[in-house]
Amino acid sequence: MKSSYLTRSFYYLWTTQTAANAADVLYIMALTVMVLDRTNSLVSAALLPLIRSGAQLVSSLVAPLFIQRFNLSSLLFYSQTGQFLLFICLAVYIHLNSVASSLVLVFSLIFVMSFLDGWTTPARNALIPRLVTHEQGLLKANGLMSVSDQVVQFAGWGLSGVVVAFIGSSSTLLIAAVIYGLAAVFTLGVKEPSHGGIPEKRVNAATDISPDLGTGRWHTLTEGWKMIWKTPRLRVLTFMDMIDMLGGSIWVGAFTLAFVQVALGQGEEWWGFINAAYFAGTIGGGLLVLALARIIGRRYFSVMMIGMAGYGILTAVYALNSQPFVALFLVMLMGPFAELAMINRRTLIQSSVANPMLPKVLSAQASMMHLIFCVSLLGMAWLAEYIGIVNLYLFAAALTILAIVAGLLNFRAFQEKKVHRQMMN
């Protein structure tokens, strides 16, 4: 894999996203501890992720309006800079007022910051193909992004807890503000090329639909959704992702803790061990993708299906297992399969949509996934009461297998582009 496939702007993008993710982990941990200390209420603390998810859902719905007006590198800069300025206000306010600070004001600032952050992931993932000079570098770029995301998650939660314990919540927020500032500065190095890095793909009826002409706001807001619906490959990938996401909430803290206590018969410390093992596995999975990038080539669909199959089978085995150390091994092994599926699915989407439409498609998918995840949280919590935590994990494994079946039944959507190219040669 030639390193020249990744441009300098990509490395700036990689750096700014890593810094922003690290700041996110720090501030979420600090605010969670602060709210719990103030209210002694888990419900109040649970409002934090709920507010963030709600704001990001709204943001992804209206993101096409901003994407239409600004180029992606500018949008990323405005998002990061806006978050930095708002976070400075939040950190200074809490530092000066401490226990007298208003939670209503704090949650309001978090909502606005999360709204700005809702543009970041679609903009980032749409920028990646433009900052890569050859399609062979696309899988490597996605692998690098995923590894840094997982490293921050793996190390960040443990280290942030230590930082908050030693210096307190308000001082931790000031550190997070500095890191946000660095993230905003690094976005200045992200220069979007006038003509995207990877040559534009030819439009054909099988995989790429030309966007209808239109200038109204409603057209702009719905253009990505229409593209997904009209394009067989995107429609199948989105449907598979939705089915898989329905079961994805089983790895949220409350479900994992319940499984550790009920199925494994262990205490809260094993909850931490399970989470750490899973993140370690996902880091290994990201590195595996980087190592196998040349071998994988353009076999994105096949490798994605292998990843989903491995993840689904291991989830079922994990559900039926009652030995703690075996559970650790299983979740660590699960990580690489999950990363193989996720990275190749993202690469498939990026390589199936022309660059001008990609941000709108990703925004539509992001809003859909936020909604599905919220529905899944509520639905899985209700279902766990009726079928038990072990059967809940088996149900989630069945959903992954169902997503695989959906992909296999629509395999033709992933072949037609290859056929089209052969016809043109």
Protein backbone atom coordinates (compact mmCIF):
# COMPACT_ATOMS: atom_id res chain seq x y z
CA MET A 1 0.00 0.00 0.00
CA LYS A 2 1.66 3.23 -1.09
CA SER A 3 1.70 5.92 1.58
CA SER A 4 1.28 8.51 -1.23
CA TYR A 5 -2.32 7.32 -1.54
CA LEU A 6 -3.04 9.35 1.63
CA THR A 7 -2.59 13.10 1.32
CA ARG A 8 -1.28 15.55 3.92
CA SER A 9 -4.81 16.90 4.34
CA PHE A 10 -6.00 13.43 5.30
CA TYR A 11 -3.47 13.27 8.12
CA TYR A 12 -4.68 16.68 9.36
CA LEU A 13 -8.24 15.33 9.27
CA TRP A 14 -7.13 12.21 11.13
CA THR A 15 -5.41 14.33 13.80
CA THR A 16 -8.28 16.75 14.32
CA GLN A 17 -10.80 13.94 14.67
CA THR A 18 -8.61 12.07 17.16
CA ALA A 19 -8.21 15.23 19.26
CA ALA A 20 -11.94 16.01 19.14
CA ASN A 21 -12.85 12.45 20.16
CA ALA A 22 -10.43 12.61 23.09
CA ALA A 23 -11.98 15.89 24.23
CA ASP A 24 -15.46 14.34 23.94
CA VAL A 25 -14.50 11.46 26.23
CA LEU A 26 -12.97 13.83 28.80
CA TYR A 27 -15.90 16.19 28.96
CA ILE A 28 -18.58 13.48 29.03
CA MET A 29 -16.83 11.75 31.94
CA ALA A 30 -16.35 15.05 33.81
CA LEU A 31 -19.94 16.18 33.32
CA THR A 32 -21.36 12.76 34.23
CA VAL A 33 -19.43 12.80 37.51
CA MET A 34 -20.46 16.40 38.18
CA VAL A 35 -24.17 15.72 37.56
CA LEU A 36 -24.10 12.57 39.71
CA ASP A 37 -22.39 14.45 42.56
CA ARG A 38 -24.91 17.30 42.29
CA THR A 39 -28.12 15.30 41.95
CA ASN A 40 -27.24 11.78 43.12
CA SER A 41 -29.63 10.69 40.35
CA LEU A 42 -28.88 8.20 37.56
CA VAL A 43 -31.85 9.60 35.62
CA SER A 44 -30.25 13.06 35.57
CA ALA A 45 -26.93 11.59 34.46
CA ALA A 46 -28.71 9.61 31.71
CA LEU A 47 -30.01 12.91 30.29
CA LEU A 48 -26.50 13.69 29.04
CA PRO A 49 -26.27 10.94 26.37
CA LEU A 50 -29.96 11.39 25.57
CA ILE A 51 -29.50 15.12 24.90
CA ARG A 52 -26.40 14.44 22.80
CA SER A 53 -28.16 11.79 20.70
CA GLY A 54 -31.25 13.96 20.21
CA ALA A 55 -29.19 16.97 19.12
CA GLN A 56 -27.14 14.88 16.69
CA LEU A 57 -30.31 13.39 15.22
CA VAL A 58 -31.75 16.86 14.55
CA SER A 59 -28.40 18.03 13.21
CA SER A 60 -28.04 15.18 10.73
CA LEU A 61 -31.56 15.86 9.43
CA VAL A 62 -30.77 19.49 8.56
CA ALA A 63 -27.09 18.94 7.66
CA PRO A 64 -27.79 18.88 3.87
CA LEU A 65 -28.74 22.58 4.04
CA PHE A 66 -25.28 23.42 5.37
CA ILE A 67 -23.55 20.96 3.05
CA GLN A 68 -25.25 22.69 0.11
CA ARG A 69 -23.90 26.09 1.22
CA PHE A 70 -20.36 25.30 2.45
CA ASN A 71 -17.62 22.97 1.27
CA LEU A 72 -16.84 20.11 3.62
CA SER A 73 -13.52 21.38 4.95
CA SER A 74 -15.11 24.75 5.82
CA LEU A 75 -18.08 23.02 7.43
CA LEU A 76 -15.73 20.92 9.54
CA PHE A 77 -13.81 24.05 10.60
CA TYR A 78 -17.00 25.93 11.55
CA SER A 79 -18.23 22.90 13.50
CA GLN A 80 -15.00 22.44 15.45
CA THR A 81 -14.52 26.15 16.08
CA GLY A 82 -18.13 26.58 17.21
CA GLN A 83 -17.80 23.66 19.59
CA PHE A 84 -14.54 25.08 20.95
CA LEU A 85 -16.04 28.53 21.63
CA LEU A 86 -19.14 27.06 23.26
CA PHE A 87 -17.05 24.70 25.31
CA ILE A 88 -14.88 27.57 26.56
CA CYS A 89 -18.08 29.23 27.80
CA LEU A 90 -19.23 25.97 29.43
CA ALA A 91 -15.88 25.20 31.09
CA VAL A 92 -15.35 28.73 32.43
CA TYR A 93 -18.96 28.95 33.67
CA ILE A 94 -18.70 25.67 35.59
CA HIS A 95 -15.22 26.51 36.88
CA LEU A 96 -16.42 29.86 38.27
CA ASN A 97 -19.79 28.71 39.61
CA SER A 98 -19.09 25.10 40.60
CA VAL A 99 -22.05 23.75 42.62
CA ALA A 100 -24.09 26.88 41.89
CA SER A 101 -24.07 26.29 38.13
CA SER A 102 -27.44 25.78 36.46
CA LEU A 103 -27.93 22.31 34.99
CA VAL A 104 -30.51 23.73 32.58
CA LEU A 105 -27.87 26.08 31.13
CA VAL A 106 -25.26 23.31 31.10
CA PHE A 107 -27.58 20.92 29.23
CA SER A 108 -28.58 23.69 26.82
CA LEU A 109 -24.94 24.33 25.91
CA ILE A 110 -24.39 20.59 25.48
CA PHE A 111 -27.37 20.42 23.11
CA VAL A 112 -25.96 23.20 20.89
CA MET A 113 -22.47 21.67 20.94
CA SER A 114 -23.86 18.26 20.03
CA PHE A 115 -25.90 19.85 17.24
CA LEU A 116 -22.68 21.24 15.75
CA ASP A 117 -20.98 17.89 16.27
CA GLY A 118 -23.74 16.18 14.27
CA TRP A 119 -22.18 17.54 11.06
CA THR A 120 -18.76 16.16 11.89
CA THR A 121 -19.08 12.43 11.15
CA PRO A 122 -20.89 12.77 7.77
CA ALA A 123 -18.46 15.53 6.74
CA ARG A 124 -15.46 13.47 7.87
CA ASN A 125 -16.53 10.27 6.11
CA ALA A 126 -17.43 12.20 2.94
CA LEU A 127 -14.08 14.01 2.98
CA ILE A 128 -12.02 10.82 3.17
CA PRO A 129 -12.50 9.77 -0.52
CA ARG A 130 -11.57 13.33 -1.57
CA LEU A 131 -8.33 13.24 0.43
CA VAL A 132 -7.19 9.89 -0.97
CA THR A 133 -5.45 9.85 -4.34
CA HIS A 134 -6.41 6.29 -5.30
CA GLU A 135 -9.22 3.94 -4.37
CA GLN A 136 -6.67 1.43 -3.02
CA GLY A 137 -5.95 3.95 -0.27
CA LEU A 138 -9.61 4.26 0.77
CA LEU A 139 -9.68 1.08 2.87
CA LYS A 140 -6.42 2.11 4.58
CA ALA A 141 -7.80 5.58 5.34
CA ASN A 142 -10.96 4.12 6.88
CA GLY A 143 -8.88 1.62 8.84
CA LEU A 144 -6.67 4.38 10.28
CA MET A 145 -9.71 6.42 11.29
CA SER A 146 -11.30 3.41 12.95
CA VAL A 147 -8.14 2.46 14.86
CA SER A 148 -7.76 5.98 16.26
CA ASP A 149 -11.48 6.06 17.21
CA GLN A 150 -11.17 2.78 19.10
CA VAL A 151 -7.86 3.68 20.77
CA VAL A 152 -9.43 6.88 22.12
CA GLN A 153 -12.43 4.92 23.38
CA PHE A 154 -10.25 2.18 24.89
CA ALA A 155 -7.73 4.43 26.64
CA GLY A 156 -9.88 7.52 27.06
CA TRP A 157 -12.54 6.19 29.40
CA GLY A 158 -10.01 4.74 31.82
CA LEU A 159 -7.64 7.71 31.75
CA SER A 160 -10.43 10.29 31.95
CA GLY A 161 -11.70 8.65 35.13
CA VAL A 162 -8.24 8.98 36.67
CA VAL A 163 -7.95 12.63 35.56
CA VAL A 164 -11.35 13.55 37.01
CA ALA A 165 -10.50 11.79 40.28
CA PHE A 166 -7.22 13.69 40.66
CA ILE A 167 -8.08 17.23 39.52
CA GLY A 168 -11.88 17.37 39.64
CA SER A 169 -14.59 17.89 37.03
CA SER A 170 -14.21 21.64 36.45
CA SER A 171 -10.43 21.45 35.86
CA THR A 172 -10.90 18.46 33.55
CA LEU A 173 -13.33 20.54 31.48
CA LEU A 174 -10.64 23.21 31.04
CA ILE A 175 -8.22 20.56 29.73
CA ALA A 176 -10.90 19.33 27.34
CA ALA A 177 -11.38 22.93 26.15
CA VAL A 178 -7.67 23.15 25.26
CA ILE A 179 -7.87 19.88 23.29
CA TYR A 180 -10.97 21.17 21.46
CA GLY A 181 -8.95 24.27 20.56
CA LEU A 182 -6.17 22.13 19.10
CA ALA A 183 -8.74 20.16 17.09
CA ALA A 184 -10.09 23.42 15.65
CA VAL A 185 -6.57 24.58 14.71
CA PHE A 186 -5.75 21.30 12.96
CA THR A 187 -8.85 21.64 10.75
CA LEU A 188 -7.08 24.57 9.05
CA GLY A 189 -4.77 22.01 7.45
CA VAL A 190 -7.66 20.10 5.85
CA LYS A 191 -7.69 21.41 2.27
CA GLU A 192 -10.39 19.95 0.07
CA PRO A 193 -9.05 19.48 -3.48
CA SER A 194 -10.91 21.22 -6.29
CA HIS A 195 -11.48 17.83 -7.92
CA GLY A 196 -11.77 14.97 -5.41
CA GLY A 197 -8.84 12.63 -4.81
CA ILE A 198 -10.39 9.47 -6.23
CA PRO A 199 -11.53 9.93 -9.84
CA GLU A 200 -15.29 10.41 -10.11
CA LYS A 201 -17.21 7.24 -10.76
CA ARG A 202 -19.28 6.89 -13.90
CA VAL A 203 -23.02 7.01 -13.24
CA ASN A 204 -24.95 3.89 -14.12
CA ALA A 205 -28.39 2.58 -13.37
CA ALA A 206 -27.15 -0.19 -11.12
CA THR A 207 -25.21 1.71 -8.49
CA ASP A 208 -25.25 5.47 -9.00
CA ILE A 209 -28.30 7.56 -9.75
CA SER A 210 -27.87 11.11 -11.01
CA PRO A 211 -29.44 13.53 -8.54
CA ASP A 212 -32.52 15.31 -9.80
CA LEU A 213 -32.10 18.99 -10.38
CA GLY A 214 -33.71 21.13 -7.76
CA THR A 215 -32.97 24.14 -5.60
CA GLY A 216 -35.64 24.17 -2.91
CA ARG A 217 -34.86 23.48 0.73
CA TRP A 218 -37.12 20.45 0.81
CA HIS A 219 -35.31 19.01 -2.20
CA THR A 220 -31.96 19.62 -0.48
CA LEU A 221 -33.14 17.98 2.75
CA THR A 222 -34.54 14.90 0.99
CA GLU A 223 -31.96 14.45 -1.76
CA GLY A 224 -29.82 12.01 0.24
CA TRP A 225 -32.87 9.96 1.26
CA LYS A 226 -34.03 9.75 -2.36
CA MET A 227 -30.56 8.67 -3.44
CA ILE A 228 -30.57 5.83 -0.92
CA TRP A 229 -34.03 4.69 -2.02
CA LYS A 230 -33.25 4.83 -5.76
CA THR A 231 -29.84 3.14 -5.58
CA PRO A 232 -30.07 -0.66 -5.06
CA ARG A 233 -26.64 -0.98 -3.44
CA LEU A 234 -27.21 1.89 -1.00
CA ARG A 235 -30.70 0.66 -0.20
CA VAL A 236 -29.43 -2.82 0.67
CA LEU A 237 -26.49 -1.53 2.72
CA THR A 238 -28.72 0.84 4.67
CA PHE A 239 -31.30 -1.88 5.30
CA MET A 240 -28.58 -4.25 6.53
CA ASP A 241 -27.16 -1.54 8.79
CA MET A 242 -30.61 -0.82 10.24
CA ILE A 243 -31.24 -4.48 11.09
CA ASP A 244 -27.78 -4.82 12.63
CA MET A 245 -28.19 -1.56 14.58
CA LEU A 246 -31.43 -2.81 16.15
CA GLY A 247 -29.36 -5.36 18.04
CA GLY A 248 -26.36 -3.10 18.54
CA SER A 249 -27.67 -1.53 21.73
CA ILE A 250 -27.00 -4.76 23.67
CA TRP A 251 -23.45 -3.47 24.19
CA VAL A 252 -24.68 -0.36 26.01
CA GLY A 253 -23.58 -0.33 29.65
CA ALA A 254 -26.84 -1.35 31.32
CA PHE A 255 -27.29 -4.49 29.18
CA THR A 256 -23.63 -5.49 29.46
CA LEU A 257 -23.73 -5.08 33.23
CA ALA A 258 -26.92 -7.12 33.50
CA PHE A 259 -25.38 -9.93 31.44
CA VAL A 260 -22.23 -9.93 33.58
CA GLN A 261 -24.30 -10.19 36.76
CA VAL A 262 -26.95 -12.66 35.58
CA ALA A 263 -25.20 -14.90 33.04
CA LEU A 264 -21.61 -14.75 34.29
CA GLY A 265 -22.38 -14.31 37.99
CA GLN A 266 -19.73 -11.60 38.40
CA GLY A 267 -19.58 -8.09 39.85
CA GLU A 268 -19.15 -4.66 38.27
CA GLU A 269 -15.37 -5.07 37.83
CA TRP A 270 -16.02 -7.70 35.15
CA TRP A 271 -18.21 -5.18 33.36
CA GLY A 272 -15.07 -3.09 32.92
CA PHE A 273 -13.04 -6.13 31.84
CA ILE A 274 -15.61 -7.04 29.17
CA ASN A 275 -15.66 -3.49 27.78
CA ALA A 276 -11.87 -3.30 27.75
CA ALA A 277 -11.58 -6.67 25.99
CA TYR A 278 -14.06 -5.61 23.32
CA PHE A 279 -12.29 -2.33 22.59
CA ALA A 280 -8.93 -4.13 22.51
CA GLY A 281 -10.42 -6.48 19.93
CA THR A 282 -11.72 -3.63 17.77
CA ILE A 283 -8.29 -1.98 17.82
CA GLY A 284 -6.81 -5.30 16.69
CA GLY A 285 -9.49 -5.49 14.01
CA GLY A 286 -8.63 -2.07 12.65
CA LEU A 287 -4.93 -2.99 12.52
CA LEU A 288 -5.88 -6.25 10.80
CA VAL A 289 -7.70 -4.32 8.07
CA LEU A 290 -4.63 -2.13 7.56
CA ALA A 291 -2.41 -5.20 7.29
CA LEU A 292 -4.77 -6.97 4.86
CA ALA A 293 -5.72 -3.92 2.79
CA ARG A 294 -3.82 -5.11 -0.28
CA ILE A 295 -5.25 -8.64 0.00
CA ILE A 296 -8.80 -7.36 0.53
CA GLY A 297 -8.49 -5.17 -2.57
CA ARG A 298 -12.02 -4.45 -3.81
CA ARG A 299 -13.59 -7.47 -2.11
CA TYR A 300 -15.45 -5.14 0.27
CA PHE A 301 -18.75 -7.02 0.17
CA SER A 302 -17.27 -10.48 0.77
CA VAL A 303 -15.11 -9.31 3.66
CA MET A 304 -18.02 -7.35 5.16
CA MET A 305 -20.17 -10.50 5.11
CA ILE A 306 -17.38 -12.56 6.71
CA GLY A 307 -17.08 -9.93 9.44
CA MET A 308 -20.83 -9.89 10.10
CA ALA A 309 -21.03 -13.70 10.13
CA GLY A 310 -18.16 -14.01 12.61
CA TYR A 311 -19.63 -11.30 14.82
CA GLY A 312 -23.11 -12.88 14.78
CA ILE A 313 -21.87 -16.39 15.57
CA LEU A 314 -19.59 -15.18 18.38
CA THR A 315 -22.43 -13.13 19.88
CA ALA A 316 -24.60 -16.27 20.01
CA VAL A 317 -21.79 -18.29 21.62
CA TYR A 318 -21.19 -15.44 24.08
CA ALA A 319 -24.87 -15.49 25.06
CA LEU A 320 -24.77 -19.23 25.80
CA ASN A 321 -21.48 -19.10 27.72
CA SER A 322 -21.34 -18.79 31.52
CA GLN A 323 -17.56 -18.77 32.08
CA PRO A 324 -16.12 -15.26 32.69
CA PHE A 325 -12.68 -15.86 31.12
CA VAL A 326 -14.23 -17.51 28.07
CA ALA A 327 -16.50 -14.45 27.75
CA LEU A 328 -13.42 -12.18 27.75
CA PHE A 329 -11.85 -14.24 24.97
CA LEU A 330 -15.06 -14.21 22.93
CA VAL A 331 -15.58 -10.43 23.06
CA MET A 332 -11.92 -9.84 22.22
CA LEU A 333 -12.32 -12.12 19.20
CA MET A 334 -15.59 -10.38 18.32
CA GLY A 335 -13.83 -7.01 17.89
CA PRO A 336 -11.87 -7.85 14.70
CA PHE A 337 -14.98 -9.28 13.01
CA ALA A 338 -17.00 -6.18 13.96
CA GLU A 339 -14.29 -3.91 12.50
CA LEU A 340 -14.02 -5.95 9.30
CA ALA A 341 -17.77 -5.51 8.80
CA MET A 342 -17.91 -1.81 9.72
CA ILE A 343 -14.83 -0.59 7.80
CA ASN A 344 -15.69 -2.47 4.61
CA ARG A 345 -19.34 -1.33 4.78
CA ARG A 346 -18.21 2.29 5.08
CA THR A 347 -15.77 1.83 2.18
CA LEU A 348 -18.51 0.25 0.06
CA ILE A 349 -20.76 3.27 0.61
CA GLN A 350 -17.98 5.76 -0.13
CA SER A 351 -17.01 3.97 -3.34
CA SER A 352 -20.63 3.69 -4.54
CA VAL A 353 -21.66 7.35 -4.46
CA ALA A 354 -20.31 10.27 -6.49
CA ASN A 355 -18.46 12.78 -4.30
CA PRO A 356 -21.00 15.66 -4.55
CA MET A 357 -23.82 13.42 -3.26
CA LEU A 358 -21.89 11.49 -0.63
CA PRO A 359 -22.27 14.01 2.26
CA LYS A 360 -26.05 14.12 1.81
CA VAL A 361 -26.30 10.33 1.67
CA LEU A 362 -24.16 9.99 4.81
CA SER A 363 -26.25 12.62 6.62
CA ALA A 364 -29.46 10.74 5.79
CA GLN A 365 -27.94 7.47 6.97
CA ALA A 366 -26.64 9.08 10.17
CA SER A 367 -30.07 10.44 11.10
CA MET A 368 -31.61 7.05 10.38
CA MET A 369 -29.05 5.23 12.55
CA HIS A 370 -29.51 7.70 15.44
CA LEU A 371 -33.25 7.06 15.33
CA ILE A 372 -32.87 3.28 15.06
CA PHE A 373 -30.45 3.25 17.98
CA CYS A 374 -32.86 5.19 20.19
CA VAL A 375 -35.70 2.83 19.23
CA SER A 376 -33.42 -0.13 19.89
CA LEU A 377 -32.53 1.12 23.38
CA LEU A 378 -36.18 1.35 24.35
CA GLY A 379 -37.22 -1.84 22.57
CA MET A 380 -34.38 -3.97 23.94
CA ALA A 381 -34.99 -2.72 27.48
CA TRP A 382 -38.65 -3.74 27.17
CA LEU A 383 -37.77 -7.08 25.54
CA ALA A 384 -35.21 -7.95 28.23
CA GLU A 385 -37.97 -7.86 30.82
CA TYR A 386 -39.91 -10.55 28.94
CA ILE A 387 -37.30 -12.91 27.51
CA GLY A 388 -34.33 -12.40 29.83
CA ILE A 389 -30.85 -11.03 29.20
CA VAL A 390 -29.39 -14.24 27.73
CA ASN A 391 -32.18 -14.57 25.16
CA LEU A 392 -31.78 -10.86 24.39
CA TYR A 393 -28.20 -11.48 23.23
CA LEU A 394 -29.36 -14.47 21.20
CA PHE A 395 -32.01 -12.26 19.60
CA ALA A 396 -29.37 -9.68 18.71
CA ALA A 397 -27.23 -12.41 17.11
CA ALA A 398 -30.28 -13.51 15.09
CA LEU A 399 -30.74 -9.93 13.85
CA THR A 400 -27.15 -9.91 12.56
CA ILE A 401 -27.75 -13.20 10.75
CA LEU A 402 -30.95 -11.72 9.29
CA ALA A 403 -28.91 -8.77 7.98
CA ILE A 404 -26.51 -11.23 6.33
CA VAL A 405 -29.42 -13.04 4.66
CA ALA A 406 -30.70 -9.69 3.35
CA GLY A 407 -27.29 -9.03 1.82
CA LEU A 408 -27.05 -12.46 0.21
CA LEU A 409 -30.55 -12.18 -1.27
CA ASN A 410 -29.52 -8.88 -2.88
CA PHE A 411 -26.03 -9.96 -3.93
CA ARG A 412 -26.72 -8.82 -7.48
CA ALA A 413 -26.65 -5.18 -6.37
CA PHE A 414 -22.97 -5.65 -5.51
CA GLN A 415 -22.06 -7.32 -8.80
CA GLU A 416 -23.59 -5.00 -11.37
CA LYS A 417 -20.91 -2.35 -11.11
CA LYS A 418 -18.25 -4.94 -11.87
CA VAL A 419 -20.27 -6.19 -14.85
CA HIS A 420 -20.72 -2.62 -16.06
CA ARG A 421 -17.00 -1.98 -15.98
CA GLN A 422 -16.27 -5.20 -17.86
CA MET A 423 -18.74 -4.17 -20.56
CA MET A 424 -17.00 -0.80 -20.93
CA ASN A 425 -13.51 -2.30 -21.29
